[in-house]
């Protein structure tokens, strides 16, 4: 559970100055809709896109989708429907946890400007 919270935390903070791929833009838009600054959201979304593959990025959009946010069961069903295995989900959670400090170092100075 802690690992999934880490993924959601990492994704819900998203930010970067370059054009984002569609799934990363979805992460950034969700973040902005939750009241976070656009620059911070874009930076984190860009960081996530740069450090995940397309399958992982697509899965992360499921986790940040408002219809799954309050139900881990709903999110897990949606992720399994996308074909992700429990092992893949665990690996993604560990990857997100390991990247949190790097994401913070890259994006929080952007938000302070």
Protein backbone atom coordinates (compact mmCIF):
# COMPACT_ATOMS: atom_id res chain seq x y z
CA UNK A 1 0.00 0.00 0.00
CA UNK A 2 2.82 2.43 0.90
CA UNK A 3 4.35 1.85 -2.51
CA UNK A 4 1.14 2.79 -4.30
CA UNK A 5 0.86 5.91 -2.18
CA UNK A 6 4.41 6.78 -3.30
CA UNK A 7 3.41 6.42 -6.95
CA UNK A 8 0.33 8.56 -6.46
CA UNK A 9 2.37 11.18 -4.58
CA UNK A 10 5.00 11.29 -7.29
CA UNK A 11 2.39 11.63 -10.01
CA UNK A 12 0.18 14.09 -8.26
CA UNK A 13 3.02 16.58 -8.01
CA UNK A 14 4.00 16.75 -11.74
CA UNK A 15 6.15 19.83 -13.83
CA UNK A 16 8.62 20.77 -16.92
CA UNK A 17 9.03 23.50 -19.51
CA UNK A 18 9.00 21.21 -22.56
CA UNK A 19 6.01 19.75 -24.40
CA UNK A 20 4.65 16.71 -22.63
CA UNK A 21 3.57 13.44 -24.20
CA UNK A 22 -0.21 12.91 -23.88
CA UNK A 23 -0.10 10.68 -20.77
CA UNK A 24 2.32 13.07 -19.04
CA UNK A 25 0.05 15.98 -19.95
CA UNK A 26 -2.81 14.05 -18.35
CA UNK A 27 -0.76 13.76 -15.15
CA UNK A 28 0.03 17.47 -15.22
CA UNK A 29 -3.61 18.40 -15.87
CA UNK A 30 -4.79 16.25 -12.96
CA UNK A 31 -2.22 17.87 -10.71
CA UNK A 32 -3.29 21.40 -11.74
CA UNK A 33 -6.95 20.46 -11.24
CA UNK A 34 -6.05 19.57 -7.65
CA UNK A 35 -4.77 23.10 -7.08
CA UNK A 36 -1.02 22.65 -7.51
CA UNK A 37 1.03 25.26 -9.45
CA UNK A 38 1.19 24.57 -13.19
CA UNK A 39 5.01 24.85 -13.34
CA UNK A 40 5.42 22.29 -10.56
CA UNK A 41 2.89 19.95 -12.17
CA UNK A 42 4.55 20.17 -15.58
CA UNK A 43 8.00 19.55 -14.11
CA UNK A 44 6.95 16.45 -12.20
CA UNK A 45 4.97 15.11 -15.19
CA UNK A 46 8.02 15.64 -17.40
CA UNK A 47 10.24 13.91 -14.84
CA UNK A 48 7.85 10.97 -14.67
CA UNK A 49 7.73 10.74 -18.49
CA UNK A 50 11.54 10.87 -18.69
CA UNK A 51 11.95 8.12 -16.12
CA UNK A 52 9.25 5.63 -17.11
CA UNK A 53 8.41 3.62 -20.16
CA UNK A 54 5.11 4.08 -22.02
CA UNK A 55 3.44 1.18 -20.20
CA UNK A 56 4.40 2.54 -16.78
CA UNK A 57 3.34 6.06 -17.70
CA UNK A 58 -0.03 4.81 -18.90
CA UNK A 59 -0.50 2.90 -15.65
CA UNK A 60 0.32 6.00 -13.64
CA UNK A 61 -2.46 7.92 -15.36
CA UNK A 62 -4.85 5.28 -14.03
CA UNK A 63 -3.61 5.85 -10.49
CA UNK A 64 -4.13 9.60 -10.72
CA UNK A 65 -7.53 9.36 -12.41
CA UNK A 66 -10.08 10.87 -10.01
CA UNK A 67 -12.46 7.93 -10.50
CA UNK A 68 -9.83 5.59 -8.98
CA UNK A 69 -8.28 7.89 -6.40
CA UNK A 70 -10.49 6.89 -3.48
CA UNK A 71 -10.53 3.18 -4.22
CA UNK A 72 -7.37 1.14 -4.42
CA UNK A 73 -9.56 -1.78 -5.49
CA UNK A 74 -10.89 0.20 -8.45
CA UNK A 75 -7.35 1.27 -9.43
CA UNK A 76 -6.04 -2.28 -9.19
CA UNK A 77 -8.90 -3.58 -11.33
CA UNK A 78 -8.20 -0.91 -13.96
CA UNK A 79 -4.47 -1.69 -13.92
CA UNK A 80 -5.06 -5.44 -14.23
CA UNK A 81 -7.46 -4.74 -17.10
CA UNK A 82 -4.53 -2.96 -18.80
CA UNK A 83 -2.61 -6.24 -18.45
CA UNK A 84 -0.26 -5.30 -15.61
CA UNK A 85 0.76 -8.08 -13.25
CA UNK A 86 1.20 -7.72 -9.49
CA UNK A 87 4.95 -8.06 -10.04
CA UNK A 88 4.97 -5.17 -12.51
CA UNK A 89 2.94 -3.03 -10.15
CA UNK A 90 5.33 -3.76 -7.30
CA UNK A 91 8.35 -2.94 -9.49
CA UNK A 92 6.72 0.35 -10.52
CA UNK A 93 6.06 1.23 -6.91
CA UNK A 94 9.68 0.54 -5.95
CA UNK A 95 10.91 2.60 -8.92
CA UNK A 96 8.68 5.54 -7.95
CA UNK A 97 9.86 5.36 -4.37
CA UNK A 98 13.51 5.34 -5.48
CA UNK A 99 13.01 8.35 -7.77
CA UNK A 100 11.17 10.62 -5.32
CA UNK A 101 14.27 12.47 -4.07
CA UNK A 102 15.53 13.07 -7.62
CA UNK A 103 12.12 14.37 -8.70
CA UNK A 104 11.99 16.70 -5.72
CA UNK A 105 15.50 18.01 -6.40
CA UNK A 106 14.66 18.67 -10.05
CA UNK A 107 11.21 20.20 -9.62
CA UNK A 108 10.98 22.00 -6.33
CA UNK A 109 13.57 24.64 -7.29
CA UNK A 110 11.41 25.30 -10.38
CA UNK A 111 8.38 25.88 -8.17
CA UNK A 112 10.30 28.31 -5.95
CA UNK A 113 11.13 30.61 -8.90
